[in-house]
Amino acid sequence: MHRNAVFFAWNRSVPGREEASGAHFDEFVAYLSAQAQNGTIQGFDVVFLDPHGGDMNGFFLIKGEPEGIQALLSSPEWTEHMTRASLHLMGSGSVGAVTGDQVARRMDLWKRLSSG
């Protein structure tokens, strides 16, 4: 069961780094758009959450075939974007995920293992 998505979320900009965050956001959207155009990923959604008092205020959900997701995550460009984000965003991080038919497979595994 391979990851077919990546969840990248953040809390807010580091105070005084808001301009860097805005510029990097635009660059990251352009980067992901290029990855979708060249077929590395299938696409992505950007979500801004309404103010709610929590520590997550937005995220990207990036989707693709497992091979493309792996290629994305192991690229120097991805590493650079994640490193840059850590310098101007509080609470930024990414984690592999599954979507679509992979969810049923993951749930079947969970049910099998939890039935004891």
N, C-alpha and C. Protein backbone atom coordinates (compact mmCIF):
# COMPACT_ATOMS: atom_id res chain seq x y z
N MET A 1 0.84 -1.18 0.00
CA MET A 1 0.00 0.00 0.00
C MET A 1 0.88 1.24 0.00
N HIS A 2 1.00 1.79 -1.15
CA HIS A 2 1.88 2.94 -1.31
C HIS A 2 1.08 4.24 -1.20
N ARG A 3 1.77 5.25 -0.72
CA ARG A 3 1.14 6.58 -0.62
C ARG A 3 0.81 7.09 -2.02
N ASN A 4 -0.38 7.65 -2.15
CA ASN A 4 -0.74 8.29 -3.41
C ASN A 4 -1.12 9.76 -3.19
N ALA A 5 -0.70 10.28 -2.05
CA ALA A 5 -0.97 11.69 -1.74
C ALA A 5 0.04 12.18 -0.71
N VAL A 6 0.15 13.49 -0.64
CA VAL A 6 0.96 14.16 0.38
C VAL A 6 0.12 15.28 0.97
N PHE A 7 0.14 15.38 2.27
CA PHE A 7 -0.56 16.43 3.01
C PHE A 7 0.51 17.36 3.55
N PHE A 8 0.50 18.63 3.11
CA PHE A 8 1.44 19.63 3.60
C PHE A 8 0.63 20.74 4.26
N ALA A 9 0.84 20.94 5.55
CA ALA A 9 0.03 21.90 6.31
C ALA A 9 0.92 22.90 7.04
N TRP A 10 0.29 23.97 7.49
CA TRP A 10 1.00 24.99 8.26
C TRP A 10 0.03 25.66 9.23
N ASN A 11 0.63 26.36 10.20
CA ASN A 11 -0.14 27.14 11.15
C ASN A 11 -0.24 28.58 10.64
N ARG A 12 0.86 29.32 10.72
CA ARG A 12 0.86 30.71 10.28
C ARG A 12 2.29 31.13 10.00
N SER A 13 2.44 32.31 9.44
CA SER A 13 3.77 32.84 9.17
C SER A 13 4.47 33.19 10.47
N VAL A 14 5.77 33.02 10.47
CA VAL A 14 6.59 33.53 11.57
C VAL A 14 6.45 35.05 11.54
N PRO A 15 6.17 35.69 12.68
CA PRO A 15 6.05 37.15 12.70
C PRO A 15 7.27 37.82 12.05
N GLY A 16 6.99 38.75 11.14
CA GLY A 16 8.04 39.43 10.41
C GLY A 16 8.43 38.73 9.11
N ARG A 17 7.92 37.51 8.88
CA ARG A 17 8.27 36.74 7.67
C ARG A 17 7.06 36.58 6.74
N GLU A 18 6.03 37.39 6.96
CA GLU A 18 4.80 37.27 6.17
C GLU A 18 5.05 37.49 4.67
N GLU A 19 5.88 38.46 4.33
CA GLU A 19 6.16 38.72 2.92
C GLU A 19 6.85 37.53 2.27
N ALA A 20 7.81 36.93 2.97
CA ALA A 20 8.48 35.74 2.45
C ALA A 20 7.48 34.60 2.27
N SER A 21 6.55 34.46 3.21
CA SER A 21 5.53 33.41 3.11
C SER A 21 4.66 33.60 1.88
N GLY A 22 4.23 34.83 1.65
CA GLY A 22 3.38 35.10 0.49
C GLY A 22 4.09 34.82 -0.82
N ALA A 23 5.34 35.25 -0.91
CA ALA A 23 6.11 35.01 -2.13
C ALA A 23 6.35 33.52 -2.34
N HIS A 24 6.70 32.82 -1.27
CA HIS A 24 6.97 31.39 -1.39
C HIS A 24 5.70 30.62 -1.74
N PHE A 25 4.57 31.05 -1.20
CA PHE A 25 3.30 30.41 -1.55
C PHE A 25 3.10 30.44 -3.06
N ASP A 26 3.28 31.60 -3.67
CA ASP A 26 3.12 31.72 -5.13
C ASP A 26 4.10 30.82 -5.87
N GLU A 27 5.34 30.76 -5.41
CA GLU A 27 6.34 29.90 -6.05
C GLU A 27 5.99 28.42 -5.90
N PHE A 28 5.47 28.04 -4.73
CA PHE A 28 5.13 26.65 -4.49
C PHE A 28 3.94 26.22 -5.35
N VAL A 29 2.95 27.10 -5.50
CA VAL A 29 1.82 26.81 -6.38
C VAL A 29 2.32 26.64 -7.82
N ALA A 30 3.22 27.50 -8.27
CA ALA A 30 3.78 27.38 -9.62
C ALA A 30 4.55 26.07 -9.77
N TYR A 31 5.32 25.70 -8.76
CA TYR A 31 6.07 24.44 -8.78
C TYR A 31 5.13 23.25 -8.89
N LEU A 32 4.09 23.21 -8.05
CA LEU A 32 3.15 22.10 -8.11
C LEU A 32 2.38 22.08 -9.43
N SER A 33 2.05 23.24 -9.95
CA SER A 33 1.37 23.30 -11.25
C SER A 33 2.25 22.71 -12.34
N ALA A 34 3.54 23.01 -12.31
CA ALA A 34 4.47 22.44 -13.28
C ALA A 34 4.58 20.93 -13.11
N GLN A 35 4.57 20.45 -11.86
CA GLN A 35 4.63 19.01 -11.62
C GLN A 35 3.37 18.31 -12.14
N ALA A 36 2.24 18.99 -12.06
CA ALA A 36 1.00 18.42 -12.61
C ALA A 36 1.04 18.43 -14.14
N GLN A 37 1.55 19.50 -14.73
CA GLN A 37 1.63 19.59 -16.19
C GLN A 37 2.58 18.55 -16.77
N ASN A 38 3.67 18.25 -16.06
CA ASN A 38 4.62 17.27 -16.60
C ASN A 38 4.28 15.84 -16.20
N GLY A 39 3.18 15.65 -15.44
CA GLY A 39 2.70 14.31 -15.12
C GLY A 39 3.29 13.68 -13.87
N THR A 40 4.13 14.39 -13.14
CA THR A 40 4.68 13.83 -11.91
C THR A 40 3.58 13.61 -10.88
N ILE A 41 2.66 14.57 -10.78
CA ILE A 41 1.50 14.44 -9.89
C ILE A 41 0.23 14.59 -10.73
N GLN A 42 -0.88 14.14 -10.17
CA GLN A 42 -2.16 14.29 -10.87
C GLN A 42 -2.76 15.67 -10.64
N GLY A 43 -2.49 16.25 -9.49
CA GLY A 43 -3.02 17.56 -9.18
C GLY A 43 -2.92 17.85 -7.70
N PHE A 44 -3.47 18.99 -7.30
CA PHE A 44 -3.41 19.37 -5.89
C PHE A 44 -4.54 20.33 -5.57
N ASP A 45 -4.90 20.35 -4.31
CA ASP A 45 -5.88 21.30 -3.78
C ASP A 45 -5.21 22.12 -2.71
N VAL A 46 -5.54 23.40 -2.68
CA VAL A 46 -5.08 24.29 -1.62
C VAL A 46 -6.30 24.64 -0.78
N VAL A 47 -6.16 24.54 0.54
CA VAL A 47 -7.28 24.80 1.44
C VAL A 47 -6.84 25.79 2.51
N PHE A 48 -7.59 26.88 2.65
CA PHE A 48 -7.42 27.80 3.77
C PHE A 48 -8.58 27.57 4.72
N LEU A 49 -8.28 27.34 5.98
CA LEU A 49 -9.31 27.09 6.99
C LEU A 49 -9.79 28.40 7.60
N ASP A 50 -11.06 28.44 7.97
CA ASP A 50 -11.58 29.60 8.70
C ASP A 50 -10.90 29.66 10.07
N PRO A 51 -10.75 30.87 10.63
CA PRO A 51 -10.19 30.98 11.98
C PRO A 51 -10.99 30.11 12.96
N HIS A 52 -10.27 29.32 13.75
CA HIS A 52 -10.94 28.37 14.64
C HIS A 52 -10.20 28.15 15.95
N GLY A 53 -9.10 28.84 16.16
CA GLY A 53 -8.37 28.70 17.42
C GLY A 53 -7.42 27.52 17.45
N GLY A 54 -7.32 26.79 16.37
CA GLY A 54 -6.42 25.64 16.31
C GLY A 54 -5.06 26.00 15.75
N ASP A 55 -4.23 25.00 15.56
CA ASP A 55 -2.87 25.26 15.09
C ASP A 55 -2.65 24.83 13.64
N MET A 56 -3.71 24.61 12.88
CA MET A 56 -3.59 24.38 11.45
C MET A 56 -4.53 25.36 10.76
N ASN A 57 -3.96 26.14 9.86
CA ASN A 57 -4.75 27.16 9.19
C ASN A 57 -4.83 26.99 7.68
N GLY A 58 -4.08 26.05 7.15
CA GLY A 58 -4.15 25.78 5.73
C GLY A 58 -3.35 24.55 5.37
N PHE A 59 -3.65 24.01 4.18
CA PHE A 59 -2.89 22.85 3.72
C PHE A 59 -3.01 22.68 2.21
N PHE A 60 -2.06 21.94 1.67
CA PHE A 60 -2.10 21.45 0.31
C PHE A 60 -2.35 19.95 0.39
N LEU A 61 -3.23 19.43 -0.45
CA LEU A 61 -3.38 17.99 -0.63
C LEU A 61 -2.95 17.70 -2.05
N ILE A 62 -1.82 17.02 -2.16
CA ILE A 62 -1.19 16.73 -3.45
C ILE A 62 -1.46 15.27 -3.78
N LYS A 63 -2.00 15.01 -4.97
CA LYS A 63 -2.40 13.65 -5.34
C LYS A 63 -1.63 13.18 -6.57
N GLY A 64 -1.40 11.86 -6.62
CA GLY A 64 -0.73 11.28 -7.78
C GLY A 64 -0.60 9.79 -7.65
N GLU A 65 0.01 9.19 -8.64
CA GLU A 65 0.33 7.77 -8.56
C GLU A 65 1.48 7.61 -7.57
N PRO A 66 1.58 6.47 -6.90
CA PRO A 66 2.66 6.28 -5.92
C PRO A 66 4.06 6.60 -6.45
N GLU A 67 4.33 6.22 -7.69
CA GLU A 67 5.66 6.48 -8.25
C GLU A 67 5.91 7.98 -8.40
N GLY A 68 4.89 8.71 -8.82
CA GLY A 68 5.03 10.16 -8.96
C GLY A 68 5.19 10.86 -7.63
N ILE A 69 4.42 10.40 -6.64
CA ILE A 69 4.54 10.98 -5.30
C ILE A 69 5.95 10.74 -4.75
N GLN A 70 6.46 9.53 -4.94
CA GLN A 70 7.81 9.22 -4.48
C GLN A 70 8.84 10.09 -5.20
N ALA A 71 8.67 10.27 -6.51
CA ALA A 71 9.59 11.13 -7.26
C ALA A 71 9.53 12.56 -6.74
N LEU A 72 8.34 13.05 -6.46
CA LEU A 72 8.19 14.40 -5.93
C LEU A 72 8.93 14.54 -4.60
N LEU A 73 8.66 13.61 -3.68
CA LEU A 73 9.23 13.70 -2.33
C LEU A 73 10.75 13.53 -2.31
N SER A 74 11.30 12.85 -3.29
CA SER A 74 12.75 12.62 -3.29
C SER A 74 13.50 13.62 -4.16
N SER A 75 12.80 14.62 -4.69
CA SER A 75 13.46 15.61 -5.54
C SER A 75 14.14 16.70 -4.70
N PRO A 76 15.24 17.24 -5.20
CA PRO A 76 15.91 18.34 -4.51
C PRO A 76 15.00 19.57 -4.38
N GLU A 77 14.13 19.79 -5.37
CA GLU A 77 13.23 20.94 -5.33
C GLU A 77 12.25 20.83 -4.16
N TRP A 78 11.72 19.62 -3.94
CA TRP A 78 10.80 19.42 -2.82
C TRP A 78 11.52 19.71 -1.50
N THR A 79 12.72 19.17 -1.36
CA THR A 79 13.49 19.39 -0.14
C THR A 79 13.74 20.87 0.08
N GLU A 80 14.06 21.59 -0.99
CA GLU A 80 14.29 23.03 -0.86
C GLU A 80 13.01 23.75 -0.45
N HIS A 81 11.89 23.41 -1.05
CA HIS A 81 10.63 24.06 -0.67
C HIS A 81 10.28 23.79 0.79
N MET A 82 10.46 22.56 1.24
CA MET A 82 10.13 22.23 2.63
C MET A 82 11.07 22.94 3.60
N THR A 83 12.34 23.04 3.24
CA THR A 83 13.31 23.73 4.09
C THR A 83 12.98 25.22 4.15
N ARG A 84 12.70 25.82 3.01
CA ARG A 84 12.31 27.23 2.99
C ARG A 84 11.07 27.47 3.83
N ALA A 85 10.07 26.59 3.69
CA ALA A 85 8.83 26.75 4.45
C ALA A 85 9.10 26.73 5.94
N SER A 86 10.02 25.89 6.37
CA SER A 86 10.32 25.80 7.81
C SER A 86 10.95 27.08 8.35
N LEU A 87 11.48 27.91 7.47
CA LEU A 87 12.12 29.16 7.89
C LEU A 87 11.13 30.31 8.04
N HIS A 88 9.96 30.22 7.40
CA HIS A 88 9.01 31.33 7.49
C HIS A 88 7.61 30.92 7.92
N LEU A 89 7.37 29.62 8.11
CA LEU A 89 6.06 29.16 8.57
C LEU A 89 6.18 28.47 9.91
N MET A 90 5.26 28.76 10.80
CA MET A 90 5.20 28.04 12.07
C MET A 90 4.33 26.80 11.86
N GLY A 91 4.77 25.69 12.42
CA GLY A 91 3.98 24.47 12.36
C GLY A 91 3.85 23.86 10.99
N SER A 92 4.83 24.08 10.12
CA SER A 92 4.74 23.48 8.78
C SER A 92 5.24 22.05 8.82
N GLY A 93 4.65 21.23 7.98
CA GLY A 93 5.09 19.85 7.88
C GLY A 93 4.33 19.10 6.82
N SER A 94 4.93 18.03 6.34
CA SER A 94 4.28 17.21 5.33
C SER A 94 4.27 15.76 5.80
N VAL A 95 3.26 15.03 5.33
CA VAL A 95 3.13 13.63 5.68
C VAL A 95 2.50 12.91 4.50
N GLY A 96 2.97 11.69 4.25
CA GLY A 96 2.38 10.88 3.20
C GLY A 96 0.97 10.47 3.57
N ALA A 97 0.15 10.21 2.56
CA ALA A 97 -1.26 9.88 2.80
C ALA A 97 -1.76 8.95 1.70
N VAL A 98 -2.95 8.41 1.93
CA VAL A 98 -3.62 7.63 0.90
C VAL A 98 -4.99 8.23 0.64
N THR A 99 -5.44 8.13 -0.60
CA THR A 99 -6.76 8.60 -1.01
C THR A 99 -7.36 7.57 -1.95
N GLY A 100 -8.61 7.79 -2.33
CA GLY A 100 -9.25 6.94 -3.32
C GLY A 100 -9.31 5.48 -2.91
N ASP A 101 -9.02 4.58 -3.86
CA ASP A 101 -9.11 3.15 -3.58
C ASP A 101 -8.10 2.68 -2.54
N GLN A 102 -7.06 3.45 -2.33
CA GLN A 102 -6.07 3.09 -1.31
C GLN A 102 -6.66 3.18 0.10
N VAL A 103 -7.69 4.01 0.29
CA VAL A 103 -8.32 4.14 1.60
C VAL A 103 -8.96 2.82 2.00
N ALA A 104 -9.68 2.19 1.08
CA ALA A 104 -10.33 0.91 1.38
C ALA A 104 -9.28 -0.15 1.72
N ARG A 105 -8.18 -0.16 1.00
CA ARG A 105 -7.11 -1.12 1.30
C ARG A 105 -6.52 -0.88 2.68
N ARG A 106 -6.30 0.39 3.01
CA ARG A 106 -5.74 0.72 4.32
C ARG A 106 -6.72 0.35 5.43
N MET A 107 -8.01 0.59 5.20
CA MET A 107 -9.02 0.26 6.20
C MET A 107 -9.14 -1.25 6.36
N ASP A 108 -9.04 -2.00 5.26
CA ASP A 108 -9.06 -3.47 5.35
C ASP A 108 -7.89 -3.96 6.20
N LEU A 109 -6.73 -3.38 5.99
CA LEU A 109 -5.56 -3.74 6.79
C LEU A 109 -5.82 -3.44 8.26
N TRP A 110 -6.34 -2.26 8.55
CA TRP A 110 -6.62 -1.87 9.93
C TRP A 110 -7.61 -2.83 10.58
N LYS A 111 -8.68 -3.17 9.85
CA LYS A 111 -9.68 -4.09 10.39
C LYS A 111 -9.07 -5.46 10.68
N ARG A 112 -8.26 -5.94 9.74
CA ARG A 112 -7.63 -7.25 9.91
C ARG A 112 -6.72 -7.25 11.13
N LEU A 113 -5.92 -6.23 11.28
CA LEU A 113 -4.96 -6.18 12.38
C LEU A 113 -5.62 -5.88 13.73
N SER A 114 -6.73 -5.17 13.71
CA SER A 114 -7.36 -4.81 14.98
C SER A 114 -8.37 -5.85 15.47
N SER A 115 -8.67 -6.83 14.65
CA SER A 115 -9.67 -7.83 15.05
C SER A 115 -9.10 -8.84 16.04
N GLY A 116 -7.79 -8.81 16.21
CA GLY A 116 -7.09 -9.57 17.23
C GLY A 116 -7.26 -11.01 17.17
